[in-house]
Protein backbone atom coordinates (compact mmCIF):
# COMPACT_ATOMS: atom_id res chain seq x y z
CA MET A 1 31.60 99.51 66.71
CA ASN A 2 35.28 99.99 66.43
CA THR A 3 38.00 97.47 66.40
CA LYS A 4 41.84 98.13 66.96
CA LEU A 5 44.46 97.48 64.25
CA PHE A 6 48.04 97.85 63.43
CA VAL A 7 50.27 96.97 60.37
CA GLY A 8 53.36 95.00 61.20
CA LEU A 9 56.31 93.61 59.00
CA THR A 10 56.76 89.96 59.94
CA PHE A 11 60.00 87.81 59.27
CA PHE A 12 60.91 84.18 58.88
CA SER A 13 61.74 82.69 62.15
CA ASP A 14 63.61 79.57 61.04
CA ASN A 15 67.14 81.34 61.58
CA SER A 16 69.29 81.68 64.52
CA PHE A 17 68.99 85.40 65.07
CA ALA A 18 65.42 85.10 65.08
CA LYS A 19 65.09 82.23 67.46
CA ASN A 20 67.36 84.21 69.94
CA ILE A 21 65.37 87.13 69.62
CA GLU A 22 62.12 85.21 70.52
CA SER A 23 63.81 83.48 73.48
CA PHE A 24 64.86 87.00 74.75
CA ARG A 25 61.23 88.13 74.32
CA SER A 26 59.74 85.38 75.85
CA ARG A 27 61.88 86.03 79.16
CA PHE A 28 61.60 89.70 79.19
CA ASP A 29 58.51 91.30 77.45
CA SER A 30 55.50 91.29 79.45
CA LYS A 31 53.55 91.65 76.33
CA TYR A 32 55.15 88.51 74.58
CA GLN A 33 52.01 86.23 74.99
CA THR A 34 49.60 88.92 73.87
CA ASN A 35 51.51 89.10 70.56
CA PRO A 36 53.85 86.13 69.84
CA ASP A 37 54.56 86.98 66.41
CA LEU A 38 57.92 88.26 65.56
CA HIS A 39 57.21 91.68 63.99
CA LEU A 40 58.09 95.17 63.40
CA PRO A 41 55.59 97.56 63.70
CA ILE A 42 55.08 99.72 60.66
CA VAL A 43 51.69 101.40 61.33
CA ALA A 44 51.24 102.06 65.22
CA PRO A 45 47.80 100.67 66.68
CA PHE A 46 44.81 102.72 65.42
CA GLU A 47 40.89 102.23 65.68
CA ILE A 48 38.38 102.38 62.69
CA GLU A 49 34.72 101.03 62.50
CA VAL A 50 34.42 97.33 61.97
CA THR A 51 32.42 97.78 58.79
CA GLU A 52 35.67 99.32 57.20
CA VAL A 53 38.29 96.78 57.76
CA LYS A 54 37.55 94.78 54.93
CA LYS A 55 37.57 97.92 52.50
CA LEU A 56 40.82 98.75 54.33
CA LYS A 57 42.40 95.71 53.89
CA GLN A 58 41.75 95.70 50.05
CA GLU A 59 43.31 99.39 49.70
CA LEU A 60 46.43 98.09 51.46
CA VAL A 61 46.97 94.92 49.39
CA GLU A 62 46.44 96.91 46.56
CA GLU A 63 49.14 99.45 47.56
CA LEU A 64 51.50 96.78 48.41
CA GLU A 65 51.22 94.91 45.35
CA SER A 66 51.93 97.89 43.10
CA PHE A 67 54.70 98.88 45.47
CA TYR A 68 56.51 95.48 45.46
CA PHE A 69 55.37 94.51 42.13
CA GLU A 70 57.59 91.56 40.76
CA ASN A 71 59.94 92.52 43.59
CA THR A 72 59.50 89.89 46.81
CA ALA A 73 62.60 88.37 46.84
CA HIS A 74 65.88 89.28 48.83
CA HIS A 75 64.23 91.67 51.20
CA VAL A 76 66.06 91.77 54.78
CA LEU A 77 66.25 94.16 57.50
CA GLY A 78 69.41 94.74 59.32
CA PHE A 79 69.62 96.08 62.84
CA SER A 80 72.38 98.53 64.00
CA GLY A 81 72.08 97.81 68.02
CA LEU A 82 70.24 97.84 71.22
CA ASP A 83 68.85 101.21 72.95
CA VAL A 84 66.25 101.85 75.43
CA GLN A 85 63.08 104.12 75.38
CA GLU A 86 61.77 105.42 78.62
CA HIS A 87 58.23 105.89 79.40
CA LYS A 88 56.37 106.89 82.37
CA LYS A 89 55.27 103.23 83.48
CA ASN A 90 58.13 101.39 82.01
CA LYS A 91 61.26 101.33 80.05
CA ILE A 92 61.73 99.52 76.70
CA LEU A 93 64.68 97.79 75.60
CA TYR A 94 64.75 97.14 71.84
CA LEU A 95 66.62 96.62 68.64
CA LYS A 96 67.18 99.73 66.41
CA PRO A 97 66.33 98.69 62.71
CA ALA A 98 68.32 100.13 59.89
CA ILE A 99 65.30 101.01 57.82
CA GLU A 100 66.05 101.71 54.12
CA GLU A 101 64.41 104.33 52.11
CA GLU A 102 62.34 101.72 50.17
CA LEU A 103 60.69 100.58 53.54
CA SER A 104 60.41 104.05 54.71
CA LEU A 105 58.58 105.03 51.80
CA CYS A 106 56.39 102.28 52.14
CA GLN A 107 55.42 102.99 55.64
CA GLU A 108 54.58 106.78 54.93
CA SER A 109 52.21 105.29 52.21
CA LEU A 110 50.59 102.73 54.42
CA VAL A 111 50.25 105.31 57.36
CA SER A 112 48.42 107.77 55.07
CA ILE A 113 45.94 105.23 53.88
CA CYS A 114 45.26 103.94 57.47
CA LYS A 115 44.93 107.62 58.70
CA SER A 116 42.10 108.19 55.86
CA TYR A 117 39.94 105.43 57.60
CA ILE A 118 40.18 107.17 61.41
CA THR A 119 36.95 109.11 61.84
CA ASP A 120 37.92 110.09 65.60
CA ARG A 121 40.20 112.83 65.44
CA ASP A 122 41.06 112.49 69.10
CA LYS A 123 42.56 108.92 68.19
CA LYS A 124 45.48 109.68 66.01
CA ILE A 125 48.02 107.39 64.96
CA LYS A 126 51.39 107.58 66.93
CA ASP A 127 54.60 108.75 65.21
CA SER A 128 55.80 105.48 63.12
CA LYS A 129 59.07 106.78 62.51
CA LYS A 130 60.20 105.80 65.83
CA THR A 131 59.38 102.29 65.11
CA PHE A 132 61.66 99.54 66.71
CA LEU A 133 61.66 95.78 67.73
CA THR A 134 60.95 95.35 71.34
CA MET A 135 62.90 93.21 73.11
CA GLY A 136 61.90 93.43 76.65
CA ARG A 137 59.74 95.92 79.11
CA PHE A 138 61.10 96.74 82.65
CA ASN A 139 59.99 98.65 85.73
CA ASP A 140 63.06 97.78 87.66
CA PRO A 141 66.16 99.92 86.63
CA MET A 142 68.36 97.25 87.96
CA GLU A 143 66.63 94.32 86.29
CA LEU A 144 66.83 96.73 82.98
CA HIS A 145 70.80 97.10 83.51
CA ALA A 146 70.97 93.28 84.32
CA SER A 147 69.07 92.53 80.85
CA ILE A 148 71.26 94.91 78.94
CA GLU A 149 74.50 93.05 80.09
CA LEU A 150 72.78 89.74 79.00
CA ALA A 151 71.62 91.14 75.80
CA GLN A 152 75.23 92.11 74.90
CA LYS A 153 76.20 88.63 75.62
CA GLU A 154 73.54 86.70 73.88
CA PHE A 155 73.56 89.08 70.85
CA GLN A 156 77.53 89.87 70.13
CA GLU A 157 76.75 89.14 66.51
CA PHE A 158 73.65 90.92 64.82
CA THR A 159 72.92 89.50 61.39
CA ALA A 160 69.53 90.71 59.15
CA LEU A 161 65.86 89.31 59.59
CA PRO A 162 64.20 88.08 56.43
CA TYR A 163 61.01 89.78 55.43
CA GLN A 164 58.05 87.09 55.56
CA SER A 165 54.81 89.45 55.11
CA ILE A 166 53.43 92.73 55.77
CA CYS A 167 50.49 91.71 57.91
CA LEU A 168 47.38 93.21 59.04
CA PHE A 169 46.98 92.56 63.07
CA SER A 170 43.66 92.79 64.69
CA LYS A 171 43.04 92.89 68.72
CA ASN A 172 40.39 90.51 70.18
CA ASN A 173 40.12 89.91 73.95
CA GLY A 174 43.38 91.72 74.73
CA ILE A 175 45.45 89.28 72.02
CA TRP A 176 46.83 90.36 68.83
CA TYR A 177 45.67 88.08 65.90
CA ARG A 178 47.18 88.19 62.45
CA GLU A 179 43.88 89.42 60.44
CA ALA A 180 45.57 89.04 57.13
CA ASP A 181 49.00 88.85 55.44
CA LEU A 182 48.73 91.82 53.00
CA ILE A 183 51.99 90.69 50.77
CA SER A 184 54.02 87.80 51.13
CA PHE A 185 57.85 87.64 50.28
CA ASP A 186 60.02 84.99 49.01
CA ARG A 187 61.70 82.77 51.61
CA PRO A 188 65.55 83.50 51.22
CA THR A 189 68.09 80.80 50.54
CA ASN A 190 70.74 80.11 53.08
CA ALA A 191 73.51 81.96 51.05
CA PHE A 192 71.63 85.03 50.98
CA LEU A 193 71.72 85.04 54.78
CA HIS A 194 75.39 86.22 55.68
CA SER A 195 76.34 87.52 58.80
CA SER A 196 77.38 90.96 59.43
CA ASN A 197 79.14 91.90 62.88
CA ILE A 198 77.95 94.92 64.54
CA SER A 199 79.09 95.98 67.96
CA ILE A 200 76.52 97.19 70.65
């Protein structure tokens, strides 16, 4: 029996930027209710045998503990603006993350580990380099256009989101749950969270 998983970077949500994102997502992302946690996917959804989850979890924890050894403070993710990705079914409005080399290397390592647990060759992990933070999903072009204008008003100023954890999510009855925090990061001080204006 298989279970569906993905790995995501979660953020502390007690800052105005995170609250603005959550507010926007709750109004425009149809999948908000199935995964309300503010997160950036690092490893796209994949399926493995239920019996392998514990072993995978342990391997991911060990990898992250060595990767971020004594280095769990002052990690934030910046964003460079809004963009739209078009799919056959809908259009996705998203925030473009400015992924630094450290996180990119970590992502590659985690993807490689997760791939090694997939036994069904037809069920490959999607390219995680196109990772982004979904803001809304739209079928109607007019609704998308209106939401972009609204987002430009609501997000005139971008700041960074502070890392909270790298988390393994699992799907149960159509809802994504936090299976385990693989590594947790230190809560940042207010002085560390300075704003930086980025036009969109």
